[in-house]
PDB file of N, CA and C in Angstrom:
ATOM      1  N   MET A   1       0.763  -1.205  -0.009  1.00  0.00           N
ATOM      2  CA  MET A   1      -0.040  -0.027  -0.091  1.00  0.00           C
ATOM      3  C   MET A   1       0.860   1.290  -0.047  1.00  0.00           C
ATOM      4  N   LYS A   2       2.060   1.291   0.748  1.00  0.00           N
ATOM      5  CA  LYS A   2       2.862   2.292   0.711  1.00  0.00           C
ATOM      6  C   LYS A   2       3.532   2.522  -0.556  1.00  0.00           C
ATOM      7  N   ASN A   3       3.831   1.630  -1.229  1.00  0.00           N
ATOM      8  CA  ASN A   3       4.471   1.653  -2.491  1.00  0.00           C
ATOM      9  C   ASN A   3       3.488   2.272  -3.416  1.00  0.00           C
ATOM     10  N   ILE A   4       2.277   2.006  -3.506  1.00  0.00           N
ATOM     11  CA  ILE A   4       1.213   2.571  -4.415  1.00  0.00           C
ATOM     12  C   ILE A   4       1.077   4.099  -4.117  1.00  0.00           C
ATOM     13  N   LEU A   5       1.024   4.405  -2.741  1.00  0.00           N
ATOM     14  CA  LEU A   5       0.961   5.793  -2.411  1.00  0.00           C
ATOM     15  C   LEU A   5       2.117   6.646  -2.862  1.00  0.00           C
ATOM     16  N   LEU A   6       3.287   6.033  -2.649  1.00  0.00           N
ATOM     17  CA  LEU A   6       4.600   6.770  -2.944  1.00  0.00           C
ATOM     18  C   LEU A   6       4.625   6.874  -4.465  1.00  0.00           C
ATOM     19  N   LEU A   7       4.139   5.814  -5.306  1.00  0.00           N
ATOM     20  CA  LEU A   7       4.131   5.890  -6.687  1.00  0.00           C
ATOM     21  C   LEU A   7       3.357   6.951  -7.212  1.00  0.00           C
ATOM     22  N   THR A   8       2.028   6.953  -6.750  1.00  0.00           N
ATOM     23  CA  THR A   8       1.036   8.021  -7.024  1.00  0.00           C
ATOM     24  C   THR A   8       1.518   9.361  -6.689  1.00  0.00           C
ATOM     25  N   LEU A   9       2.226   9.774  -5.615  1.00  0.00           N
ATOM     26  CA  LEU A   9       2.569  10.849  -5.304  1.00  0.00           C
ATOM     27  C   LEU A   9       3.666  11.375  -6.023  1.00  0.00           C
ATOM     28  N   SER A  10       4.583  10.602  -6.509  1.00  0.00           N
ATOM     29  CA  SER A  10       5.613  10.953  -7.168  1.00  0.00           C
ATOM     30  C   SER A  10       5.179  11.158  -8.707  1.00  0.00           C
ATOM     31  N   THR A  11       4.367  10.344  -9.057  1.00  0.00           N
ATOM     32  CA  THR A  11       3.684  10.587 -10.530  1.00  0.00           C
ATOM     33  C   THR A  11       3.026  11.927 -10.610  1.00  0.00           C
ATOM     34  N   LEU A  12       2.226  12.308  -9.575  1.00  0.00           N
ATOM     35  CA  LEU A  12       1.652  13.578  -9.550  1.00  0.00           C
ATOM     36  C   LEU A  12       2.569  14.656  -9.503  1.00  0.00           C
ATOM     37  N   THR A  13       3.620  14.538  -8.777  1.00  0.00           N
ATOM     38  CA  THR A  13       4.744  15.563  -8.731  1.00  0.00           C
ATOM     39  C   THR A  13       5.283  15.740  -9.968  1.00  0.00           C
ATOM     40  N   MET A  14       5.706  14.669 -10.762  1.00  0.00           N
ATOM     41  CA  MET A  14       6.413  14.854 -11.968  1.00  0.00           C
ATOM     42  C   MET A  14       5.443  15.258 -12.934  1.00  0.00           C
ATOM     43  N   ALA A  15       4.248  15.071 -13.020  1.00  0.00           N
ATOM     44  CA  ALA A  15       3.241  15.558 -13.860  1.00  0.00           C
ATOM     45  C   ALA A  15       3.037  17.004 -13.669  1.00  0.00           C
ATOM     46  N   THR A  16       3.213  17.476 -12.517  1.00  0.00           N
ATOM     47  CA  THR A  16       3.104  18.935 -12.201  1.00  0.00           C
ATOM     48  C   THR A  16       4.295  19.643 -12.681  1.00  0.00           C
ATOM     49  N   LEU A  17       5.467  19.072 -12.504  1.00  0.00           N
ATOM     50  CA  LEU A  17       6.663  19.684 -12.994  1.00  0.00           C
ATOM     51  C   LEU A  17       6.787  19.618 -14.444  1.00  0.00           C
ATOM     52  N   MET A  18       6.316  18.732 -15.203  1.00  0.00           N
ATOM     53  CA  MET A  18       6.405  18.606 -16.497  1.00  0.00           C
ATOM     54  C   MET A  18       5.402  19.476 -17.270  1.00  0.00           C
ATOM     55  N   THR A  19       4.236  19.768 -16.750  1.00  0.00           N
ATOM     56  CA  THR A  19       3.239  20.526 -17.397  1.00  0.00           C
ATOM     57  C   THR A  19       3.435  21.937 -16.881  1.00  0.00           C
ATOM     58  N   ALA A  20       4.285  22.256 -16.055  1.00  0.00           N
ATOM     59  CA  ALA A  20       4.486  23.653 -15.573  1.00  0.00           C
ATOM     60  C   ALA A  20       3.335  24.126 -14.905  1.00  0.00           C
ATOM     61  N   CYS A  21       2.473  23.485 -14.261  1.00  0.00           N
ATOM     62  CA  CYS A  21       1.330  24.047 -13.593  1.00  0.00           C
ATOM     63  C   CYS A  21       1.659  25.049 -12.466  1.00  0.00           C
ATOM     64  N   GLY A  22       2.840  24.687 -11.923  1.00  0.00           N
ATOM     65  CA  GLY A  22       3.149  25.688 -10.825  1.00  0.00           C
ATOM     66  C   GLY A  22       3.828  27.014 -11.240  1.00  0.00           C
ATOM     67  N   GLN A  23       3.917  27.097 -12.419  1.00  0.00           N
ATOM     68  CA  GLN A  23       4.543  28.556 -12.947  1.00  0.00           C
ATOM     69  C   GLN A  23       3.671  29.771 -12.685  1.00  0.00           C
ATOM     70  N   VAL A  24       4.312  30.795 -12.280  1.00  0.00           N
ATOM     71  CA  VAL A  24       3.506  31.972 -12.066  1.00  0.00           C
ATOM     72  C   VAL A  24       3.516  32.680 -13.427  1.00  0.00           C
ATOM     73  N   VAL A  25       2.409  33.026 -13.907  1.00  0.00           N
ATOM     74  CA  VAL A  25       2.304  33.773 -15.227  1.00  0.00           C
ATOM     75  C   VAL A  25       2.151  35.317 -14.856  1.00  0.00           C
ATOM     76  N   PRO A  26       3.016  36.099 -15.598  1.00  0.00           N
ATOM     77  CA  PRO A  26       3.013  37.687 -15.300  1.00  0.00           C
ATOM     78  C   PRO A  26       1.631  38.186 -15.749  1.00  0.00           C
ATOM     79  N   TYR A  27       1.199  39.075 -15.010  1.00  0.00           N
ATOM     80  CA  TYR A  27      -0.042  39.776 -15.398  1.00  0.00           C
ATOM     81  C   TYR A  27       0.141  40.725 -16.539  1.00  0.00           C
ATOM     82  N   VAL A  28      -0.567  40.665 -17.583  1.00  0.00           N
ATOM     83  CA  VAL A  28      -0.541  41.684 -18.600  1.00  0.00           C
ATOM     84  C   VAL A  28      -1.927  42.420 -18.657  1.00  0.00           C
ATOM     85  N   ASN A  29      -1.817  43.607 -18.741  1.00  0.00           N
ATOM     86  CA  ASN A  29      -3.054  44.415 -18.794  1.00  0.00           C
ATOM     87  C   ASN A  29      -3.418  44.499 -20.120  1.00  0.00           C
ATOM     88  N   THR A  30      -4.618  43.670 -20.335  1.00  0.00           N
ATOM     89  CA  THR A  30      -5.153  43.607 -21.662  1.00  0.00           C
ATOM     90  C   THR A  30      -5.832  44.748 -22.238  1.00  0.00           C
ATOM     91  N   ASP A  31      -6.368  45.726 -21.354  1.00  0.00           N
ATOM     92  CA  ASP A  31      -6.943  46.900 -21.759  1.00  0.00           C
ATOM     93  C   ASP A  31      -5.974  47.740 -22.470  1.00  0.00           C
ATOM     94  N   THR A  32      -4.741  47.829 -21.992  1.00  0.00           N
ATOM     95  CA  THR A  32      -3.746  48.747 -22.489  1.00  0.00           C
ATOM     96  C   THR A  32      -3.459  48.046 -23.763  1.00  0.00           C
ATOM     97  N   SER A  33      -3.259  46.834 -23.934  1.00  0.00           N
ATOM     98  CA  SER A  33      -2.868  46.141 -25.109  1.00  0.00           C
ATOM     99  C   SER A  33      -3.911  46.158 -26.197  1.00  0.00           C
ATOM    100  N   ASP A  34      -5.259  46.173 -25.861  1.00  0.00           N
ATOM    101  CA  ASP A  34      -6.321  46.459 -26.802  1.00  0.00           C
ATOM    102  C   ASP A  34      -6.170  47.789 -27.277  1.00  0.00           C
ATOM    103  N   GLU A  35      -5.972  48.696 -26.436  1.00  0.00           N
ATOM    104  CA  GLU A  35      -5.797  50.229 -26.934  1.00  0.00           C
ATOM    105  C   GLU A  35      -4.668  50.378 -27.828  1.00  0.00           C
ATOM    106  N   CYS A  36      -3.499  49.601 -27.392  1.00  0.00           N
ATOM    107  CA  CYS A  36      -2.400  49.780 -28.299  1.00  0.00           C
ATOM    108  C   CYS A  36      -2.592  49.177 -29.653  1.00  0.00           C
ATOM    109  N   ALA A  37      -3.300  48.135 -29.729  1.00  0.00           N
ATOM    110  CA  ALA A  37      -3.723  47.545 -31.006  1.00  0.00           C
ATOM    111  C   ALA A  37      -4.532  48.451 -31.815  1.00  0.00           C
ATOM    112  N   THR A  38      -5.528  49.052 -31.253  1.00  0.00           N
ATOM    113  CA  THR A  38      -6.511  50.037 -31.888  1.00  0.00           C
ATOM    114  C   THR A  38      -5.597  51.303 -32.439  1.00  0.00           C
ATOM    115  N   VAL A  39      -4.628  51.855 -31.588  1.00  0.00           N
ATOM    116  CA  VAL A  39      -3.753  52.997 -31.983  1.00  0.00           C
ATOM    117  C   VAL A  39      -3.026  52.532 -33.239  1.00  0.00           C
ATOM    118  N   ASN A  40      -2.311  51.257 -33.157  1.00  0.00           N
ATOM    119  CA  ASN A  40      -1.563  50.695 -34.154  1.00  0.00           C
ATOM    120  C   ASN A  40      -2.405  50.655 -35.509  1.00  0.00           C
ATOM    121  N   LYS A  41      -3.632  50.200 -35.407  1.00  0.00           N
ATOM    122  CA  LYS A  41      -4.426  50.222 -36.636  1.00  0.00           C
ATOM    123  C   LYS A  41      -4.599  51.571 -37.338  1.00  0.00           C
ATOM    124  N   LYS A  42      -4.922  52.491 -36.357  1.00  0.00           N
ATOM    125  CA  LYS A  42      -5.070  53.888 -37.000  1.00  0.00           C
ATOM    126  C   LYS A  42      -3.812  54.293 -37.481  1.00  0.00           C
ATOM    127  N   LEU A  43      -2.607  54.005 -36.946  1.00  0.00           N
ATOM    128  CA  LEU A  43      -1.376  54.652 -37.437  1.00  0.00           C
ATOM    129  C   LEU A  43      -1.067  53.829 -38.935  1.00  0.00           C
ATOM    130  N   ILE A  44      -1.449  52.632 -39.016  1.00  0.00           N
ATOM    131  CA  ILE A  44      -1.352  51.999 -40.312  1.00  0.00           C
ATOM    132  C   ILE A  44      -2.129  52.667 -41.358  1.00  0.00           C
ATOM    133  N   LYS A  45      -3.450  53.037 -40.981  1.00  0.00           N
ATOM    134  CA  LYS A  45      -4.355  53.736 -41.854  1.00  0.00           C
ATOM    135  C   LYS A  45      -3.831  55.106 -42.254  1.00  0.00           C
ATOM    136  N   VAL A  46      -3.230  55.722 -41.299  1.00  0.00           N
ATOM    137  CA  VAL A  46      -2.498  57.122 -41.740  1.00  0.00           C
ATOM    138  C   VAL A  46      -1.326  56.918 -42.639  1.00  0.00           C
ATOM    139  N   ASN A  47      -0.639  55.939 -42.295  1.00  0.00           N
ATOM    140  CA  ASN A  47       0.657  55.714 -43.250  1.00  0.00           C
ATOM    141  C   ASN A  47       0.229  55.343 -44.526  1.00  0.00           C
ATOM    142  N   ASN A  48      -0.908  54.372 -44.772  1.00  0.00           N
ATOM    143  CA  ASN A  48      -1.316  53.975 -45.962  1.00  0.00           C
ATOM    144  C   ASN A  48      -1.861  55.367 -46.680  1.00  0.00           C
ATOM    145  N   PHE A  49      -2.616  56.096 -46.066  1.00  0.00           N
ATOM    146  CA  PHE A  49      -3.162  57.357 -46.608  1.00  0.00           C
ATOM    147  C   PHE A  49      -2.027  58.241 -47.138  1.00  0.00           C
ATOM    148  N   THR A  50      -1.054  58.362 -46.327  1.00  0.00           N
ATOM    149  CA  THR A  50       0.045  59.232 -46.789  1.00  0.00           C
ATOM    150  C   THR A  50       0.712  58.692 -47.955  1.00  0.00           C
ATOM    151  N   LYS A  51       0.897  57.451 -47.991  1.00  0.00           N
ATOM    152  CA  LYS A  51       1.544  56.756 -49.185  1.00  0.00           C
ATOM    153  C   LYS A  51       0.673  57.101 -50.356  1.00  0.00           C
ATOM    154  N   VAL A  52      -0.569  56.900 -50.380  1.00  0.00           N
ATOM    155  CA  VAL A  52      -1.519  57.047 -51.468  1.00  0.00           C
ATOM    156  C   VAL A  52      -1.362  58.554 -51.941  1.00  0.00           C
ATOM    157  N   VAL A  53      -1.556  59.393 -51.017  1.00  0.00           N
ATOM    158  CA  VAL A  53      -1.543  60.925 -51.320  1.00  0.00           C
ATOM    159  C   VAL A  53      -0.197  61.231 -51.929  1.00  0.00           C
ATOM    160  N   THR A  54       0.974  60.697 -51.424  1.00  0.00           N
ATOM    161  CA  THR A  54       2.228  61.228 -51.885  1.00  0.00           C
ATOM    162  C   THR A  54       2.449  60.571 -53.337  1.00  0.00           C
ATOM    163  N   GLU A  55       1.904  59.314 -53.504  1.00  0.00           N
ATOM    164  CA  GLU A  55       2.234  58.825 -54.866  1.00  0.00           C
ATOM    165  C   GLU A  55       1.198  59.216 -56.073  1.00  0.00           C
ATOM    166  N   THR A  56       0.150  59.957 -55.604  1.00  0.00           N
ATOM    167  CA  THR A  56      -0.794  60.401 -56.722  1.00  0.00           C
ATOM    168  C   THR A  56      -0.475  61.847 -56.973  1.00  0.00           C
ATOM    169  N   ARG A  57      -0.827  62.149 -58.239  1.00  0.00           N
ATOM    170  CA  ARG A  57      -0.569  63.549 -58.667  1.00  0.00           C
ATOM    171  C   ARG A  57      -1.645  64.352 -58.157  1.00  0.00           C
ATOM    172  N   ALA A  58      -1.273  65.751 -57.952  1.00  0.00           N
ATOM    173  CA  ALA A  58      -2.240  66.665 -57.333  1.00  0.00           C
ATOM    174  C   ALA A  58      -3.518  66.822 -58.189  1.00  0.00           C
ATOM    175  N   PHE A  59      -3.342  66.768 -59.515  1.00  0.00           N
ATOM    176  CA  PHE A  59      -4.450  66.937 -60.469  1.00  0.00           C
ATOM    177  C   PHE A  59      -5.504  65.778 -60.221  1.00  0.00           C
ATOM    178  N   HIS A  60      -4.949  64.663 -60.140  1.00  0.00           N
ATOM    179  CA  HIS A  60      -5.746  63.375 -59.933  1.00  0.00           C
ATOM    180  C   HIS A  60      -6.326  63.319 -58.576  1.00  0.00           C
ATOM    181  N   LEU A  61      -5.613  63.693 -57.686  1.00  0.00           N
ATOM    182  CA  LEU A  61      -6.107  63.710 -56.327  1.00  0.00           C
ATOM    183  C   LEU A  61      -7.237  64.505 -56.101  1.00  0.00           C
ATOM    184  N   GLU A  62      -7.243  65.719 -56.721  1.00  0.00           N
ATOM    185  CA  GLU A  62      -8.318  66.653 -56.588  1.00  0.00           C
ATOM    186  C   GLU A  62      -9.609  66.015 -57.166  1.00  0.00           C
ATOM    187  N   GLU A  63      -9.437  65.228 -58.326  1.00  0.00           N
ATOM    188  CA  GLU A  63     -10.522  64.625 -59.073  1.00  0.00           C
ATOM    189  C   GLU A  63     -11.072  63.487 -58.226  1.00  0.00           C
ATOM    190  N   SER A  64     -10.131  62.665 -57.754  1.00  0.00           N
ATOM    191  CA  SER A  64     -10.675  61.579 -56.936  1.00  0.00           C
ATOM    192  C   SER A  64     -10.654  61.705 -55.447  1.00  0.00           C
ATOM    193  N   ALA A  65     -10.826  62.850 -54.848  1.00  0.00           N
ATOM    194  CA  ALA A  65     -10.658  63.104 -53.409  1.00  0.00           C
ATOM    195  C   ALA A  65     -11.820  62.224 -52.681  1.00  0.00           C
ATOM    196  N   SER A  66     -12.783  62.033 -53.401  1.00  0.00           N
ATOM    197  CA  SER A  66     -13.885  61.257 -52.682  1.00  0.00           C
ATOM    198  C   SER A  66     -13.649  59.826 -52.593  1.00  0.00           C
ATOM    199  N   ALA A  67     -12.773  59.497 -53.616  1.00  0.00           N
ATOM    200  CA  ALA A  67     -12.393  57.962 -53.612  1.00  0.00           C
ATOM    201  C   ALA A  67     -11.264  57.572 -52.715  1.00  0.00           C
ATOM    202  N   VAL A  68     -10.413  58.477 -52.210  1.00  0.00           N
ATOM    203  CA  VAL A  68      -9.360  58.301 -51.303  1.00  0.00           C
ATOM    204  C   VAL A  68     -10.008  58.206 -49.917  1.00  0.00           C
ATOM    205  N   VAL A  69      -9.690  57.027 -49.253  1.00  0.00           N
ATOM    206  CA  VAL A  69     -10.219  56.716 -47.849  1.00  0.00           C
ATOM    207  C   VAL A  69      -9.436  57.614 -46.922  1.00  0.00           C
ATOM    208  N   THR A  70     -10.236  58.451 -46.246  1.00  0.00           N
ATOM    209  CA  THR A  70      -9.652  59.411 -45.294  1.00  0.00           C
ATOM    210  C   THR A  70     -10.377  58.964 -43.961  1.00  0.00           C
ATOM    211  N   PRO A  71      -9.738  58.145 -43.104  1.00  0.00           N
ATOM    212  CA  PRO A  71     -10.226  57.788 -41.827  1.00  0.00           C
ATOM    213  C   PRO A  71     -10.016  58.797 -40.716  1.00  0.00           C
ATOM    214  N   GLY A  72     -10.882  59.953 -40.873  1.00  0.00           N
ATOM    215  CA  GLY A  72     -10.823  60.917 -39.895  1.00  0.00           C
ATOM    216  C   GLY A  72      -9.470  61.828 -39.821  1.00  0.00           C
ATOM    217  N   ILE A  73      -8.822  61.843 -41.175  1.00  0.00           N
ATOM    218  CA  ILE A  73      -7.630  62.462 -41.220  1.00  0.00           C
ATOM    219  C   ILE A  73      -7.881  63.897 -41.738  1.00  0.00           C
ATOM    220  N   THR A  74      -8.516  64.095 -42.906  1.00  0.00           N
ATOM    221  CA  THR A  74      -8.652  65.470 -43.531  1.00  0.00           C
ATOM    222  C   THR A  74     -10.018  65.391 -44.288  1.00  0.00           C
ATOM    223  N   VAL A  75     -10.256  66.707 -44.429  1.00  0.00           N
ATOM    224  CA  VAL A  75     -11.534  66.975 -45.256  1.00  0.00           C
ATOM    225  C   VAL A  75     -11.304  67.739 -46.530  1.00  0.00           C
ATOM    226  N   SER A  76      -9.929  67.996 -46.618  1.00  0.00           N
ATOM    227  CA  SER A  76      -9.351  68.767 -47.903  1.00  0.00           C
ATOM    228  C   SER A  76      -9.289  67.876 -48.950  1.00  0.00           C
ATOM    229  N   ASN A  77      -9.323  68.360 -50.203  1.00  0.00           N
ATOM    230  CA  ASN A  77      -8.817  67.747 -51.469  1.00  0.00           C
ATOM    231  C   ASN A  77      -7.669  68.402 -51.933  1.00  0.00           C
ATOM    232  N   ASN A  78      -7.025  69.262 -51.218  1.00  0.00           N
ATOM    233  CA  ASN A  78      -5.694  69.899 -51.606  1.00  0.00           C
ATOM    234  C   ASN A  78      -4.565  68.844 -51.231  1.00  0.00           C
ATOM    235  N   LYS A  79      -3.584  68.566 -52.015  1.00  0.00           N
ATOM    236  CA  LYS A  79      -2.648  67.592 -51.665  1.00  0.00           C
ATOM    237  C   LYS A  79      -1.762  68.015 -50.589  1.00  0.00           C
ATOM    238  N   ARG A  80      -1.325  69.342 -50.455  1.00  0.00           N
ATOM    239  CA  ARG A  80      -0.337  69.890 -49.374  1.00  0.00           C
ATOM    240  C   ARG A  80      -1.177  69.811 -48.072  1.00  0.00           C
ATOM    241  N   GLN A  81      -2.435  70.196 -48.170  1.00  0.00           N
ATOM    242  CA  GLN A  81      -3.213  70.250 -46.834  1.00  0.00           C
ATOM    243  C   GLN A  81      -3.515  68.839 -46.414  1.00  0.00           C
ATOM    244  N   MET A  82      -3.741  67.944 -47.401  1.00  0.00           N
ATOM    245  CA  MET A  82      -3.874  66.527 -46.857  1.00  0.00           C
ATOM    246  C   MET A  82      -2.636  65.921 -46.263  1.00  0.00           C
ATOM    247  N   LEU A  83      -1.498  66.245 -46.783  1.00  0.00           N
ATOM    248  CA  LEU A  83      -0.281  65.760 -46.174  1.00  0.00           C
ATOM    249  C   LEU A  83      -0.050  66.459 -44.930  1.00  0.00           C
ATOM    250  N   ARG A  84      -0.378  67.658 -44.695  1.00  0.00           N
ATOM    251  CA  ARG A  84      -0.169  68.218 -43.432  1.00  0.00           C
ATOM    252  C   ARG A  84      -1.147  67.687 -42.400  1.00  0.00           C
ATOM    253  N   ASP A  85      -2.447  67.439 -42.702  1.00  0.00           N
ATOM    254  CA  ASP A  85      -3.350  66.892 -41.910  1.00  0.00           C
ATOM    255  C   ASP A  85      -2.937  65.482 -41.391  1.00  0.00           C
ATOM    256  N   ALA A  86      -2.345  64.777 -42.415  1.00  0.00           N
ATOM    257  CA  ALA A  86      -1.959  63.489 -42.099  1.00  0.00           C
ATOM    258  C   ALA A  86      -0.666  63.442 -41.181  1.00  0.00           C
ATOM    259  N   ALA A  87       0.070  64.317 -41.407  1.00  0.00           N
ATOM    260  CA  ALA A  87       1.447  64.506 -40.488  1.00  0.00           C
ATOM    261  C   ALA A  87       0.895  64.908 -39.046  1.00  0.00           C
ATOM    262  N   LYS A  88      -0.059  65.613 -39.062  1.00  0.00           N
ATOM    263  CA  LYS A  88      -0.644  66.298 -37.740  1.00  0.00           C
ATOM    264  C   LYS A  88      -1.255  64.959 -36.911  1.00  0.00           C
ATOM    265  N   ARG A  89      -2.164  64.350 -37.753  1.00  0.00           N
ATOM    266  CA  ARG A  89      -2.768  63.231 -37.047  1.00  0.00           C
ATOM    267  C   ARG A  89      -1.862  62.061 -36.675  1.00  0.00           C
ATOM    268  N   LYS A  90      -0.804  61.909 -37.372  1.00  0.00           N
ATOM    269  CA  LYS A  90       0.240  60.829 -37.091  1.00  0.00           C
ATOM    270  C   LYS A  90       0.985  61.210 -35.864  1.00  0.00           C
ATOM    271  N   ARG A  91       1.204  62.481 -35.716  1.00  0.00           N
ATOM    272  CA  ARG A  91       2.008  62.932 -34.486  1.00  0.00           C
ATOM    273  C   ARG A  91       0.950  62.797 -33.242  1.00  0.00           C
ATOM    274  N   GLU A  92      -0.231  63.083 -33.379  1.00  0.00           N
ATOM    275  CA  GLU A  92      -1.296  62.917 -32.240  1.00  0.00           C
ATOM    276  C   GLU A  92      -1.307  61.337 -31.900  1.00  0.00           C
ATOM    277  N   LEU A  93      -1.414  60.550 -32.972  1.00  0.00           N
ATOM    278  CA  LEU A  93      -1.398  59.001 -32.606  1.00  0.00           C
ATOM    279  C   LEU A  93      -0.221  58.473 -32.018  1.00  0.00           C
ATOM    280  N   GLU A  94       0.925  59.031 -32.443  1.00  0.00           N
ATOM    281  CA  GLU A  94       2.148  58.590 -31.820  1.00  0.00           C
ATOM    282  C   GLU A  94       2.442  59.083 -30.361  1.00  0.00           C
ATOM    283  N   ALA A  95       1.679  60.276 -30.078  1.00  0.00           N
ATOM    284  CA  ALA A  95       1.783  60.757 -28.534  1.00  0.00           C
ATOM    285  C   ALA A  95       0.878  59.912 -27.823  1.00  0.00           C
ATOM    286  N   GLU A  96      -0.227  59.472 -28.418  1.00  0.00           N
ATOM    287  CA  GLU A  96      -1.076  58.619 -27.715  1.00  0.00           C
ATOM    288  C   GLU A  96      -0.592  57.249 -27.364  1.00  0.00           C
ATOM    289  N   HIS A  97       0.018  56.797 -28.582  1.00  0.00           N
ATOM    290  CA  HIS A  97       0.799  55.393 -28.476  1.00  0.00           C
ATOM    291  C   HIS A  97       1.970  55.520 -27.360  1.00  0.00           C
ATOM    292  N   GLN A  98       2.584  56.725 -27.281  1.00  0.00           N
ATOM    293  CA  GLN A  98       3.784  56.732 -26.163  1.00  0.00           C
ATOM    294  C   GLN A  98       3.166  56.862 -24.900  1.00  0.00           C
ATOM    295  N   SER A  99       2.107  57.569 -24.705  1.00  0.00           N
ATOM    296  CA  SER A  99       1.357  57.816 -23.359  1.00  0.00           C
ATOM    297  C   SER A  99       0.678  56.303 -22.834  1.00  0.00           C
ATOM    298  N   LEU A 100       0.247  55.550 -23.657  1.00  0.00           N
ATOM    299  CA  LEU A 100      -0.209  54.203 -23.269  1.00  0.00           C
ATOM    300  C   LEU A 100       1.008  53.257 -22.855  1.00  0.00           C
ATOM    301  N   GLY A 101       2.153  53.589 -23.274  1.00  0.00           N
ATOM    302  CA  GLY A 101       3.211  52.669 -22.985  1.00  0.00           C
ATOM    303  C   GLY A 101       3.313  51.588 -23.801  1.00  0.00           C
ATOM    304  N   CYS A 102       2.991  51.681 -25.077  1.00  0.00           N
ATOM    305  CA  CYS A 102       3.086  50.461 -25.986  1.00  0.00           C
ATOM    306  C   CYS A 102       4.474  50.262 -26.447  1.00  0.00           C
ATOM    307  N   GLN A 103       4.758  48.983 -26.641  1.00  0.00           N
ATOM    308  CA  GLN A 103       6.180  48.760 -26.863  1.00  0.00           C
ATOM    309  C   GLN A 103       6.494  48.623 -28.457  1.00  0.00           C
ATOM    310  N   THR A 104       5.439  48.296 -29.230  1.00  0.00           N
ATOM    311  CA  THR A 104       5.716  48.117 -30.779  1.00  0.00           C
ATOM    312  C   THR A 104       5.618  49.578 -31.254  1.00  0.00           C
ATOM    313  N   VAL A 105       6.373  49.701 -32.340  1.00  0.00           N
ATOM    314  CA  VAL A 105       6.387  51.010 -32.940  1.00  0.00           C
ATOM    315  C   VAL A 105       6.001  50.723 -34.358  1.00  0.00           C
ATOM    316  N   VAL A 106       5.003  51.367 -34.819  1.00  0.00           N
ATOM    317  CA  VAL A 106       4.461  51.201 -36.380  1.00  0.00           C
ATOM    318  C   VAL A 106       5.217  52.192 -37.091  1.00  0.00           C
ATOM    319  N   GLU A 107       5.664  51.848 -38.157  1.00  0.00           N
ATOM    320  CA  GLU A 107       6.497  52.707 -39.159  1.00  0.00           C
ATOM    321  C   GLU A 107       5.651  52.837 -40.508  1.00  0.00           C
TER     322      GLU A 107
END
């Protein structure tokens, strides 16, 4: 009987060690990480918008201003003003990104 008890106890101990059930998992604030993900998505949209505006000629941009997706960046159809508004929005999002303490930087 003692052998069975000793075998069971040692088996449970080994199983615990092998599955790492006793490990302490660090707490990660998911609210901040969700906010970071949201800010990252907004930064990606601003970067894509800037790329589209930069690569499009001003004449064509004025014609197709309604077709260019502006996720809360600008209401202008002037290329210079669009780029200024995009740069301003990017600075705002980067400041928010930094204030949240996000680790990843979106380029």
